[in-house]
N, C-alpha and C. Protein backbone atom coordinates (compact mmCIF):
# COMPACT_ATOMS: atom_id res chain seq x y z
N UNK A 1 0.83 -1.19 0.00
CA UNK A 1 0.00 0.00 0.00
C UNK A 1 0.87 1.25 0.00
N UNK A 2 1.85 1.34 0.88
CA UNK A 2 2.67 2.54 0.98
C UNK A 2 3.46 2.75 -0.31
N UNK A 3 4.09 1.70 -0.80
CA UNK A 3 4.88 1.84 -2.01
C UNK A 3 4.04 2.32 -3.17
N UNK A 4 2.82 1.79 -3.32
CA UNK A 4 1.95 2.20 -4.40
C UNK A 4 1.50 3.64 -4.28
N UNK A 5 1.20 4.08 -3.08
CA UNK A 5 0.76 5.45 -2.83
C UNK A 5 1.87 6.43 -3.18
N UNK A 6 3.09 6.06 -2.92
CA UNK A 6 4.23 6.95 -3.18
C UNK A 6 4.89 6.64 -4.52
N UNK A 7 4.24 5.86 -5.36
CA UNK A 7 4.75 5.49 -6.68
C UNK A 7 6.11 4.79 -6.61
N UNK A 8 6.24 3.87 -5.66
CA UNK A 8 7.45 3.09 -5.50
C UNK A 8 7.05 1.62 -5.50
N UNK A 9 7.76 0.81 -6.25
CA UNK A 9 7.52 -0.63 -6.25
C UNK A 9 7.76 -1.14 -4.83
N UNK A 10 6.75 -1.74 -4.18
CA UNK A 10 6.92 -2.20 -2.80
C UNK A 10 8.12 -3.11 -2.59
N UNK A 11 8.51 -3.85 -3.60
CA UNK A 11 9.67 -4.72 -3.48
C UNK A 11 10.97 -3.97 -3.31
N UNK A 12 11.02 -2.72 -3.73
CA UNK A 12 12.25 -1.92 -3.62
C UNK A 12 12.47 -1.38 -2.21
N UNK A 13 11.42 -1.34 -1.40
CA UNK A 13 11.52 -0.72 -0.08
C UNK A 13 12.48 -1.47 0.84
N UNK A 14 12.51 -2.79 0.77
CA UNK A 14 13.37 -3.57 1.67
C UNK A 14 14.66 -4.05 1.00
N UNK A 15 14.92 -3.62 -0.23
CA UNK A 15 16.16 -4.02 -0.90
C UNK A 15 17.37 -3.41 -0.21
N UNK A 16 18.51 -4.07 -0.41
CA UNK A 16 19.77 -3.53 0.12
C UNK A 16 20.08 -2.23 -0.60
N UNK A 17 20.74 -1.36 0.08
CA UNK A 17 21.08 -0.07 -0.50
C UNK A 17 19.97 0.94 -0.28
N UNK A 18 20.32 2.19 -0.39
CA UNK A 18 19.36 3.26 -0.13
C UNK A 18 18.31 3.36 -1.22
N UNK A 19 18.73 3.23 -2.47
CA UNK A 19 17.82 3.45 -3.58
C UNK A 19 17.71 4.94 -3.84
N UNK A 20 16.80 5.31 -4.71
CA UNK A 20 16.62 6.73 -5.00
C UNK A 20 15.87 7.41 -3.86
N UNK A 21 15.77 8.73 -3.93
CA UNK A 21 15.16 9.50 -2.84
C UNK A 21 13.72 9.09 -2.58
N UNK A 22 12.96 8.81 -3.63
CA UNK A 22 11.56 8.41 -3.46
C UNK A 22 11.45 7.08 -2.72
N UNK A 23 12.33 6.14 -3.07
CA UNK A 23 12.33 4.84 -2.40
C UNK A 23 12.72 4.99 -0.94
N UNK A 24 13.74 5.78 -0.66
CA UNK A 24 14.17 6.00 0.73
C UNK A 24 13.05 6.64 1.54
N UNK A 25 12.36 7.63 0.97
CA UNK A 25 11.26 8.28 1.68
C UNK A 25 10.13 7.29 1.95
N UNK A 26 9.78 6.48 0.97
CA UNK A 26 8.72 5.47 1.15
C UNK A 26 9.12 4.49 2.25
N UNK A 27 10.39 4.08 2.28
CA UNK A 27 10.86 3.18 3.32
C UNK A 27 10.76 3.85 4.69
N UNK A 28 11.14 5.12 4.77
CA UNK A 28 11.07 5.83 6.04
C UNK A 28 9.63 5.93 6.53
N UNK A 29 8.71 6.20 5.63
CA UNK A 29 7.30 6.26 6.02
C UNK A 29 6.83 4.89 6.50
N UNK A 30 7.21 3.85 5.79
CA UNK A 30 6.81 2.49 6.18
C UNK A 30 7.36 2.13 7.57
N UNK A 31 8.61 2.47 7.82
CA UNK A 31 9.21 2.20 9.13
C UNK A 31 8.49 3.02 10.20
N UNK A 32 8.23 4.28 9.91
CA UNK A 32 7.53 5.15 10.86
C UNK A 32 6.16 4.57 11.22
N UNK A 33 5.41 4.14 10.22
CA UNK A 33 4.08 3.57 10.49
C UNK A 33 4.18 2.24 11.23
N UNK A 34 5.20 1.44 10.90
CA UNK A 34 5.39 0.17 11.62
C UNK A 34 5.60 0.44 13.11
N UNK A 35 6.39 1.46 13.40
CA UNK A 35 6.68 1.78 14.80
C UNK A 35 5.50 2.44 15.50
N UNK A 36 4.85 3.41 14.84
CA UNK A 36 3.78 4.15 15.50
C UNK A 36 2.44 3.42 15.47
N UNK A 37 2.16 2.71 14.41
CA UNK A 37 0.86 2.03 14.29
C UNK A 37 0.89 0.66 14.96
N UNK A 38 1.98 -0.08 14.79
CA UNK A 38 2.05 -1.45 15.29
C UNK A 38 2.87 -1.59 16.56
N UNK A 39 3.55 -0.54 16.98
CA UNK A 39 4.38 -0.62 18.18
C UNK A 39 5.64 -1.43 17.99
N UNK A 40 6.09 -1.54 16.76
CA UNK A 40 7.30 -2.28 16.45
C UNK A 40 8.50 -1.50 16.99
N UNK A 41 9.45 -2.17 17.60
CA UNK A 41 10.65 -1.50 18.10
C UNK A 41 11.56 -1.15 16.92
N UNK A 42 12.52 -0.27 17.18
CA UNK A 42 13.49 0.08 16.13
C UNK A 42 14.27 -1.16 15.69
N UNK A 43 14.60 -2.02 16.63
CA UNK A 43 15.33 -3.25 16.29
C UNK A 43 14.49 -4.13 15.38
N UNK A 44 13.21 -4.31 15.73
CA UNK A 44 12.32 -5.13 14.90
C UNK A 44 12.11 -4.49 13.53
N UNK A 45 11.90 -3.18 13.49
CA UNK A 45 11.70 -2.48 12.22
C UNK A 45 12.94 -2.62 11.35
N UNK A 46 14.11 -2.49 11.95
CA UNK A 46 15.33 -2.67 11.18
C UNK A 46 15.41 -4.05 10.57
N UNK A 47 15.05 -5.05 11.35
CA UNK A 47 15.08 -6.43 10.85
C UNK A 47 14.08 -6.61 9.71
N UNK A 48 12.87 -6.08 9.88
CA UNK A 48 11.82 -6.22 8.86
C UNK A 48 12.25 -5.58 7.53
N UNK A 49 12.89 -4.41 7.63
CA UNK A 49 13.23 -3.66 6.43
C UNK A 49 14.68 -3.82 6.01
N UNK A 50 15.39 -4.78 6.61
CA UNK A 50 16.76 -5.05 6.21
C UNK A 50 17.73 -3.94 6.57
N UNK A 51 17.48 -3.28 7.70
CA UNK A 51 18.32 -2.18 8.16
C UNK A 51 18.68 -2.44 9.62
N UNK A 52 19.51 -1.59 10.20
CA UNK A 52 19.79 -1.74 11.63
C UNK A 52 18.88 -0.80 12.43
N UNK A 53 18.92 -0.94 13.74
CA UNK A 53 17.99 -0.19 14.59
C UNK A 53 18.24 1.31 14.52
N UNK A 54 19.50 1.72 14.34
CA UNK A 54 19.78 3.15 14.27
C UNK A 54 19.19 3.76 13.00
N UNK A 55 19.18 3.00 11.94
CA UNK A 55 18.57 3.48 10.69
C UNK A 55 17.06 3.60 10.86
N UNK A 56 16.45 2.65 11.55
CA UNK A 56 15.01 2.72 11.81
C UNK A 56 14.68 3.92 12.69
N UNK A 57 15.51 4.18 13.69
CA UNK A 57 15.30 5.34 14.55
C UNK A 57 15.43 6.63 13.75
N UNK A 58 16.42 6.69 12.87
CA UNK A 58 16.61 7.85 12.01
C UNK A 58 15.39 8.07 11.11
N UNK A 59 14.88 6.99 10.54
CA UNK A 59 13.71 7.09 9.66
C UNK A 59 12.52 7.68 10.41
N UNK A 60 12.30 7.22 11.62
CA UNK A 60 11.17 7.74 12.42
C UNK A 60 11.37 9.22 12.76
N UNK A 61 12.58 9.58 13.14
CA UNK A 61 12.86 11.00 13.43
C UNK A 61 12.66 11.86 12.18
N UNK A 62 13.13 11.36 11.07
CA UNK A 62 13.02 12.12 9.82
C UNK A 62 11.56 12.37 9.45
N UNK A 63 10.73 11.34 9.55
CA UNK A 63 9.32 11.50 9.20
C UNK A 63 8.62 12.39 10.23
N UNK A 64 8.92 12.21 11.49
CA UNK A 64 8.30 13.05 12.51
C UNK A 64 8.62 14.53 12.26
N UNK A 65 9.86 14.83 11.92
CA UNK A 65 10.24 16.21 11.61
C UNK A 65 9.56 16.69 10.32
N UNK A 66 9.47 15.82 9.34
CA UNK A 66 8.84 16.19 8.06
C UNK A 66 7.35 16.45 8.23
N UNK A 67 6.75 15.88 9.28
CA UNK A 67 5.31 16.09 9.51
C UNK A 67 5.00 17.53 9.92
N UNK A 68 6.01 18.32 10.19
CA UNK A 68 5.78 19.75 10.42
C UNK A 68 5.27 20.41 9.15
N UNK A 69 5.58 19.82 8.02
CA UNK A 69 5.07 20.31 6.75
C UNK A 69 3.67 19.76 6.51
N UNK A 70 2.76 20.59 6.05
CA UNK A 70 1.36 20.20 5.86
C UNK A 70 1.24 19.04 4.88
N UNK A 71 1.96 19.09 3.80
CA UNK A 71 1.84 18.05 2.76
C UNK A 71 2.25 16.67 3.28
N UNK A 72 3.40 16.61 3.95
CA UNK A 72 3.85 15.33 4.50
C UNK A 72 2.93 14.86 5.60
N UNK A 73 2.48 15.77 6.46
CA UNK A 73 1.57 15.39 7.54
C UNK A 73 0.29 14.78 6.98
N UNK A 74 -0.25 15.40 5.95
CA UNK A 74 -1.48 14.86 5.33
C UNK A 74 -1.24 13.49 4.72
N UNK A 75 -0.10 13.32 4.05
CA UNK A 75 0.22 12.03 3.44
C UNK A 75 0.31 10.94 4.51
N UNK A 76 1.08 11.21 5.56
CA UNK A 76 1.26 10.21 6.62
C UNK A 76 -0.07 9.92 7.32
N UNK A 77 -0.85 10.96 7.55
CA UNK A 77 -2.16 10.76 8.19
C UNK A 77 -3.08 9.92 7.31
N UNK A 78 -3.06 10.18 6.01
CA UNK A 78 -3.87 9.40 5.06
C UNK A 78 -3.43 7.93 5.07
N UNK A 79 -2.14 7.69 5.05
CA UNK A 79 -1.65 6.31 5.08
C UNK A 79 -1.98 5.64 6.40
N UNK A 80 -1.87 6.37 7.50
CA UNK A 80 -2.20 5.82 8.81
C UNK A 80 -3.68 5.42 8.86
N UNK A 81 -4.55 6.28 8.33
CA UNK A 81 -5.99 5.95 8.29
C UNK A 81 -6.25 4.74 7.42
N UNK A 82 -5.53 4.62 6.30
CA UNK A 82 -5.71 3.47 5.41
C UNK A 82 -5.30 2.18 6.11
N UNK A 83 -4.20 2.22 6.83
CA UNK A 83 -3.75 1.05 7.59
C UNK A 83 -4.78 0.72 8.65
N UNK A 84 -5.26 1.73 9.37
CA UNK A 84 -6.24 1.52 10.42
C UNK A 84 -7.53 0.90 9.87
N UNK A 85 -7.94 1.35 8.70
CA UNK A 85 -9.17 0.82 8.09
C UNK A 85 -9.02 -0.66 7.75
N UNK A 86 -7.81 -1.07 7.43
CA UNK A 86 -7.58 -2.48 7.07
C UNK A 86 -7.37 -3.38 8.27
N UNK A 87 -6.73 -2.86 9.32
CA UNK A 87 -6.41 -3.72 10.46
C UNK A 87 -7.13 -3.34 11.73
N UNK A 88 -7.73 -2.16 11.77
CA UNK A 88 -8.38 -1.67 12.97
C UNK A 88 -7.41 -0.87 13.80
N UNK A 89 -7.93 -0.06 14.70
CA UNK A 89 -7.05 0.76 15.53
C UNK A 89 -6.22 -0.10 16.48
N UNK A 90 -5.00 0.28 16.68
CA UNK A 90 -4.11 -0.44 17.61
C UNK A 90 -4.42 0.03 19.02
N UNK A 91 -4.53 -0.90 19.92
CA UNK A 91 -4.80 -0.56 21.32
C UNK A 91 -3.62 0.19 21.91
N UNK A 92 -3.90 1.28 22.58
CA UNK A 92 -2.85 2.01 23.26
C UNK A 92 -1.88 2.73 22.35
N UNK A 93 -2.20 2.87 21.09
CA UNK A 93 -1.31 3.52 20.13
C UNK A 93 -1.26 5.02 20.38
N UNK A 94 -0.05 5.56 20.36
CA UNK A 94 0.11 7.00 20.49
C UNK A 94 0.98 7.48 19.35
N UNK A 95 0.68 8.66 18.84
CA UNK A 95 1.52 9.26 17.81
C UNK A 95 2.79 9.76 18.47
N UNK A 96 3.92 9.46 17.86
CA UNK A 96 5.20 9.91 18.41
C UNK A 96 5.21 11.43 18.51
N UNK A 97 5.77 11.94 19.58
CA UNK A 97 5.80 13.40 19.80
C UNK A 97 6.96 14.05 19.13
């Protein structure tokens, strides 16, 4: 879902290497949603996406900072709602501050 919304082949998100800027951004959003929506730890997110925990932490910080921009905030909120509609709200979920 995330890869398609951002015009990135979902298979490219977990490939080795950074990829182009669009792929890296899509991966960062996916990691951010995994952590905020599912409560996945940075270590688990790194494992899922073929990265280390520090890279997962960086991805979450980057997206959280980017959410100060209206466009990115709307995109992430739209994706979060789409995930929620498919899986239901996560119990005790809080948006990262």
